């Protein structure tokens, strides 16, 4: 079993409650105040890029429901119970991400970046491509998502710092806050897994994720690599900064017996950055 079931119920309950307390509506944004003249060409390109990423939520959710879906009697009672609790979080998370996609799509239309019908078809073209992760252990899927959520939060914060259009700045703040909540849940989830199974058995799986990590849609979105480099440069952003969160997490469980594993992970991340 991944983690203690009572602890999983507690973590999921806290995450869902936080989401409910900090909910926001697309209608709260000052759509009448959108000022397209304050958008640079780079701003417009970045908004288009992140809309594709956020709009793929049906693919992301389908993946997690397939891998962790509450199945039938072929599952053990413990596995079903864990997946049932995780399902509660996934539905709340998917609601957040769907709101992100809808808000960014509307922003493109309101700012004159895209025409509604054409944008719908462009998003559908990419959205129908399957999303999958090359991992077989739950700790790997959770670590991947921890890194991805932290990287996305950092990017939205950095992008906000260079944007001057007020409605986009407001939207980016909201997106970053939501991603921070998601990151917090996965930090707890991965931490509980490490606590239960120990550094010796978990660090190799974590290293495998960090060594192979790619942001969502890296292998499916047309022109992803060229586009992502321009996006990262625009916000002075490097997704490997999010790896520090994993290193800090692991170090938090360091004892005399686990010191070598924690140092090994820290050295591994340092080596990745030097490549």
Protein backbone atom coordinates (compact mmCIF):
# COMPACT_ATOMS: atom_id res chain seq x y z
CA UNK A 1 0.00 0.00 0.00
CA UNK A 2 1.31 3.45 -0.90
CA UNK A 3 0.59 5.24 2.41
CA UNK A 4 -1.57 4.76 5.50
CA UNK A 5 -5.25 5.00 4.50
CA UNK A 6 -6.29 7.20 7.39
CA UNK A 7 -3.48 9.62 6.51
CA UNK A 8 -4.54 9.59 2.85
CA UNK A 9 -8.10 10.43 3.89
CA UNK A 10 -6.77 13.29 6.00
CA UNK A 11 -4.55 14.70 3.23
CA UNK A 12 -7.31 14.52 0.65
CA UNK A 13 -9.84 16.11 2.97
CA UNK A 14 -7.48 19.00 3.73
CA UNK A 15 -6.69 19.56 0.04
CA UNK A 16 -10.33 19.54 -1.03
CA UNK A 17 -11.31 21.87 1.82
CA UNK A 18 -8.55 24.33 0.88
CA UNK A 19 -9.76 24.30 -2.72
CA UNK A 20 -13.32 25.05 -1.64
CA UNK A 21 -12.24 27.91 0.60
CA UNK A 22 -10.03 29.50 -2.05
CA UNK A 23 -12.29 29.02 -5.05
CA UNK A 24 -12.55 31.83 -7.58
CA UNK A 25 -14.76 32.47 -10.56
CA UNK A 26 -13.85 33.43 -14.10
CA UNK A 27 -16.50 36.14 -13.88
CA UNK A 28 -14.48 37.88 -11.13
CA UNK A 29 -11.88 38.97 -13.66
CA UNK A 30 -12.26 42.47 -15.09
CA UNK A 31 -12.84 41.38 -18.68
CA UNK A 32 -13.94 44.86 -19.72
CA UNK A 33 -10.57 46.13 -18.57
CA UNK A 34 -8.44 43.97 -20.86
CA UNK A 35 -5.96 46.25 -22.63
CA UNK A 36 -4.50 44.45 -25.69
CA UNK A 37 -2.20 47.41 -26.39
CA UNK A 38 -0.16 46.48 -23.32
CA UNK A 39 0.58 42.98 -24.61
CA UNK A 40 3.87 42.34 -26.39
CA UNK A 41 4.20 39.79 -29.14
CA UNK A 42 5.97 37.55 -26.65
CA UNK A 43 3.12 37.93 -24.15
CA UNK A 44 0.65 36.77 -26.77
CA UNK A 45 2.81 33.79 -27.71
CA UNK A 46 3.21 32.73 -24.08
CA UNK A 47 -0.54 32.96 -23.44
CA UNK A 48 -1.18 30.74 -26.45
CA UNK A 49 1.42 28.24 -25.22
CA UNK A 50 0.09 27.94 -21.67
CA UNK A 51 -3.49 27.67 -22.95
CA UNK A 52 -2.53 24.51 -24.84
CA UNK A 53 -0.91 23.10 -21.70
CA UNK A 54 -3.84 23.86 -19.39
CA UNK A 55 -6.49 22.83 -21.91
CA UNK A 56 -5.18 19.27 -21.99
CA UNK A 57 -6.94 18.55 -18.67
CA UNK A 58 -9.16 15.80 -20.19
CA UNK A 59 -6.00 13.93 -21.15
CA UNK A 60 -4.32 14.42 -17.77
CA UNK A 61 -7.42 13.36 -15.87
CA UNK A 62 -7.96 10.32 -18.10
CA UNK A 63 -4.41 9.17 -17.39
CA UNK A 64 -4.77 9.39 -13.61
CA UNK A 65 -8.22 7.79 -13.61
CA UNK A 66 -6.82 4.90 -15.65
CA UNK A 67 -3.79 4.42 -13.43
CA UNK A 68 -5.51 5.06 -10.11
CA UNK A 69 -9.18 4.55 -10.86
CA UNK A 70 -11.38 2.84 -8.26
CA UNK A 71 -11.73 -0.41 -10.21
CA UNK A 72 -13.68 -3.56 -9.57
CA UNK A 73 -13.16 -6.59 -7.40
CA UNK A 74 -9.76 -7.28 -8.96
CA UNK A 75 -8.38 -4.56 -6.71
CA UNK A 76 -7.60 -5.24 -3.08
CA UNK A 77 -9.75 -3.44 -0.52
CA UNK A 78 -6.74 -1.31 0.47
CA UNK A 79 -5.91 -0.32 -3.12
CA UNK A 80 -9.53 0.55 -3.84
CA UNK A 81 -9.76 2.63 -0.67
CA UNK A 82 -6.58 4.55 -1.54
CA UNK A 83 -7.73 5.18 -5.10
CA UNK A 84 -11.17 6.23 -3.88
CA UNK A 85 -9.64 8.91 -1.68
CA UNK A 86 -7.28 10.03 -4.45
CA UNK A 87 -10.31 10.31 -6.73
CA UNK A 88 -11.74 12.96 -4.40
CA UNK A 89 -8.64 15.08 -4.91
CA UNK A 90 -8.51 14.44 -8.65
CA UNK A 91 -12.04 15.76 -9.18
CA UNK A 92 -11.26 18.93 -7.20
CA UNK A 93 -7.94 19.36 -9.04
CA UNK A 94 -9.57 18.83 -12.43
CA UNK A 95 -12.10 21.54 -11.61
CA UNK A 96 -9.24 23.96 -10.93
CA UNK A 97 -7.45 23.05 -14.13
CA UNK A 98 -10.60 23.27 -16.23
CA UNK A 99 -11.15 26.77 -14.86
CA UNK A 100 -7.57 27.64 -15.82
CA UNK A 101 -8.14 26.43 -19.37
CA UNK A 102 -11.44 28.25 -19.69
CA UNK A 103 -10.02 31.51 -18.30
CA UNK A 104 -7.01 31.45 -20.61
CA UNK A 105 -9.20 30.62 -23.59
CA UNK A 106 -11.49 33.55 -22.80
CA UNK A 107 -8.50 35.81 -22.28
CA UNK A 108 -7.24 35.00 -25.77
CA UNK A 109 -10.62 35.96 -27.22
CA UNK A 110 -11.05 39.13 -25.13
CA UNK A 111 -7.51 40.28 -25.94
CA UNK A 112 -7.89 39.59 -29.65
CA UNK A 113 -5.18 36.94 -29.63
CA UNK A 114 -7.41 34.33 -31.25
CA UNK A 115 -10.82 33.95 -32.86
CA UNK A 116 -13.15 31.67 -30.83
CA UNK A 117 -14.04 29.00 -33.38
CA UNK A 118 -10.52 28.72 -34.75
CA UNK A 119 -9.09 28.48 -31.24
CA UNK A 120 -11.54 25.73 -30.32
CA UNK A 121 -10.35 23.62 -33.24
CA UNK A 122 -6.67 24.33 -32.51
CA UNK A 123 -7.12 23.21 -28.92
CA UNK A 124 -9.04 20.14 -30.04
CA UNK A 125 -6.27 19.16 -32.46
CA UNK A 126 -3.77 19.02 -29.61
CA UNK A 127 -6.24 17.91 -26.95
CA UNK A 128 -7.13 14.66 -28.71
CA UNK A 129 -3.52 13.48 -28.45
CA UNK A 130 -3.00 10.97 -25.66
CA UNK A 131 -1.15 11.92 -22.49
CA UNK A 132 0.86 9.28 -20.66
CA UNK A 133 3.77 9.01 -18.26
CA UNK A 134 6.53 6.37 -18.60
CA UNK A 135 6.37 5.25 -14.96
CA UNK A 136 5.14 2.10 -13.26
CA UNK A 137 5.25 2.99 -9.55
CA UNK A 138 2.80 5.37 -7.83
CA UNK A 139 5.64 7.30 -6.16
CA UNK A 140 6.96 8.14 -9.63
CA UNK A 141 3.64 9.53 -10.89
CA UNK A 142 3.26 11.55 -7.70
CA UNK A 143 6.81 12.89 -7.86
CA UNK A 144 6.35 13.86 -11.51
CA UNK A 145 3.20 15.79 -10.64
CA UNK A 146 4.85 17.46 -7.65
CA UNK A 147 7.60 18.77 -9.92
CA UNK A 148 5.20 19.76 -12.68
CA UNK A 149 2.91 21.69 -10.33
CA UNK A 150 5.84 23.50 -8.71
CA UNK A 151 7.38 24.32 -12.08
CA UNK A 152 4.07 25.71 -13.33
CA UNK A 153 3.62 27.80 -10.20
CA UNK A 154 7.11 29.26 -10.57
CA UNK A 155 6.54 30.01 -14.24
CA UNK A 156 3.28 31.87 -13.65
CA UNK A 157 4.95 33.96 -10.93
CA UNK A 158 7.90 34.80 -13.18
CA UNK A 159 5.72 35.57 -16.18
CA UNK A 160 3.58 37.91 -14.08
CA UNK A 161 6.73 39.86 -13.21
CA UNK A 162 7.31 40.80 -16.86
CA UNK A 163 3.70 41.33 -17.94
CA UNK A 164 2.11 44.79 -17.75
CA UNK A 165 -1.44 44.02 -18.92
CA UNK A 166 -3.48 44.18 -15.66
CA UNK A 167 -6.09 41.49 -16.30
CA UNK A 168 -3.43 39.00 -17.37
CA UNK A 169 -1.44 39.81 -14.25
CA UNK A 170 -4.52 39.14 -12.12
CA UNK A 171 -5.17 35.86 -13.91
CA UNK A 172 -1.58 34.70 -13.52
CA UNK A 173 -1.73 35.38 -9.78
CA UNK A 174 -4.82 33.20 -9.48
CA UNK A 175 -3.28 30.40 -11.52
CA UNK A 176 -0.10 30.45 -9.44
CA UNK A 177 -2.06 30.23 -6.17
CA UNK A 178 -3.97 27.20 -7.40
CA UNK A 179 -0.79 25.47 -8.57
CA UNK A 180 0.78 26.15 -5.17
CA UNK A 181 -2.11 24.29 -3.51
CA UNK A 182 -1.71 21.33 -5.85
CA UNK A 183 2.03 21.29 -5.20
CA UNK A 184 1.40 21.28 -1.45
CA UNK A 185 -0.81 18.19 -1.71
CA UNK A 186 1.73 16.23 -3.74
CA UNK A 187 4.51 17.27 -1.40
CA UNK A 188 2.54 15.72 1.47
CA UNK A 189 1.71 12.64 -0.59
CA UNK A 190 5.30 12.00 -1.66
CA UNK A 191 6.50 12.76 1.87
CA UNK A 192 4.15 10.18 3.37
CA UNK A 193 5.36 7.62 0.83
CA UNK A 194 8.99 8.31 1.76
CA UNK A 195 8.14 8.08 5.45
CA UNK A 196 6.42 4.73 4.98
CA UNK A 197 8.91 3.08 2.63
CA UNK A 198 12.20 4.77 3.51
CA UNK A 199 14.76 6.69 1.49
CA UNK A 200 16.59 3.60 0.30
CA UNK A 201 13.62 2.31 -1.69
CA UNK A 202 12.15 5.64 -2.78
CA UNK A 203 15.14 7.75 -3.85
CA UNK A 204 15.92 5.52 -6.89
CA UNK A 205 12.36 6.01 -8.17
CA UNK A 206 12.57 9.75 -7.51
CA UNK A 207 15.89 9.97 -9.35
CA UNK A 208 14.37 8.15 -12.30
CA UNK A 209 11.63 10.80 -12.52
CA UNK A 210 14.01 13.75 -12.28
CA UNK A 211 16.38 12.19 -14.78
CA UNK A 212 13.64 11.71 -17.38
CA UNK A 213 11.34 14.63 -16.55
CA UNK A 214 9.66 16.53 -19.34
CA UNK A 215 6.88 19.04 -18.96
CA UNK A 216 3.42 17.98 -20.18
CA UNK A 217 2.93 17.82 -23.97
CA UNK A 218 6.67 17.97 -24.61
CA UNK A 219 6.35 15.02 -26.98
CA UNK A 220 3.00 15.87 -28.58
CA UNK A 221 2.51 19.64 -28.95
CA UNK A 222 3.57 20.85 -32.38
CA UNK A 223 6.72 22.97 -32.13
CA UNK A 224 6.96 22.39 -28.37
CA UNK A 225 10.71 22.57 -27.90
CA UNK A 226 11.33 25.72 -29.92
CA UNK A 227 8.27 27.35 -28.37
CA UNK A 228 9.13 26.32 -24.80
CA UNK A 229 12.64 27.77 -25.08
CA UNK A 230 11.21 31.14 -26.12
CA UNK A 231 8.67 30.96 -23.29
CA UNK A 232 11.33 30.13 -20.70
CA UNK A 233 13.57 32.92 -21.93
CA UNK A 234 10.70 35.43 -21.78
CA UNK A 235 10.16 34.74 -18.08
CA UNK A 236 13.78 33.99 -17.08
CA UNK A 237 12.58 30.56 -16.03
CA UNK A 238 14.17 27.11 -15.72
CA UNK A 239 11.90 24.19 -14.79
CA UNK A 240 14.77 22.43 -12.98
CA UNK A 241 14.40 25.03 -10.22
CA UNK A 242 11.42 22.95 -9.10
CA UNK A 243 13.74 20.00 -8.40
CA UNK A 244 14.97 21.86 -5.32
CA UNK A 245 11.59 21.21 -3.70
CA UNK A 246 12.14 17.47 -4.05
CA UNK A 247 15.65 17.67 -2.63
CA UNK A 248 14.38 19.66 0.36
CA UNK A 249 11.61 17.15 0.90
CA UNK A 250 13.99 14.20 0.92
CA UNK A 251 16.46 15.96 3.18
CA UNK A 252 13.63 16.49 5.64
CA UNK A 253 13.56 12.73 6.20
CA UNK A 254 17.31 12.37 6.54
CA UNK A 255 18.64 10.32 9.42
CA UNK A 256 22.08 8.82 9.85
CA UNK A 257 20.96 5.82 7.81
CA UNK A 258 19.42 7.94 5.05
CA UNK A 259 22.06 10.64 4.74
CA UNK A 260 23.81 8.92 1.85
CA UNK A 261 20.59 8.61 -0.16
CA UNK A 262 19.68 12.26 0.42
CA UNK A 263 23.15 13.44 -0.60
CA UNK A 264 23.04 11.18 -3.63
CA UNK A 265 19.81 12.85 -4.79
CA UNK A 266 21.21 16.33 -4.22
CA UNK A 267 24.33 15.47 -6.24
CA UNK A 268 22.18 13.92 -8.96
CA UNK A 269 20.11 17.10 -9.34
CA UNK A 270 23.27 19.22 -9.41
CA UNK A 271 24.66 17.02 -12.20
CA UNK A 272 21.45 17.39 -14.23
CA UNK A 273 21.80 21.15 -14.17
CA UNK A 274 25.36 21.02 -15.41
CA UNK A 275 24.48 19.03 -18.52
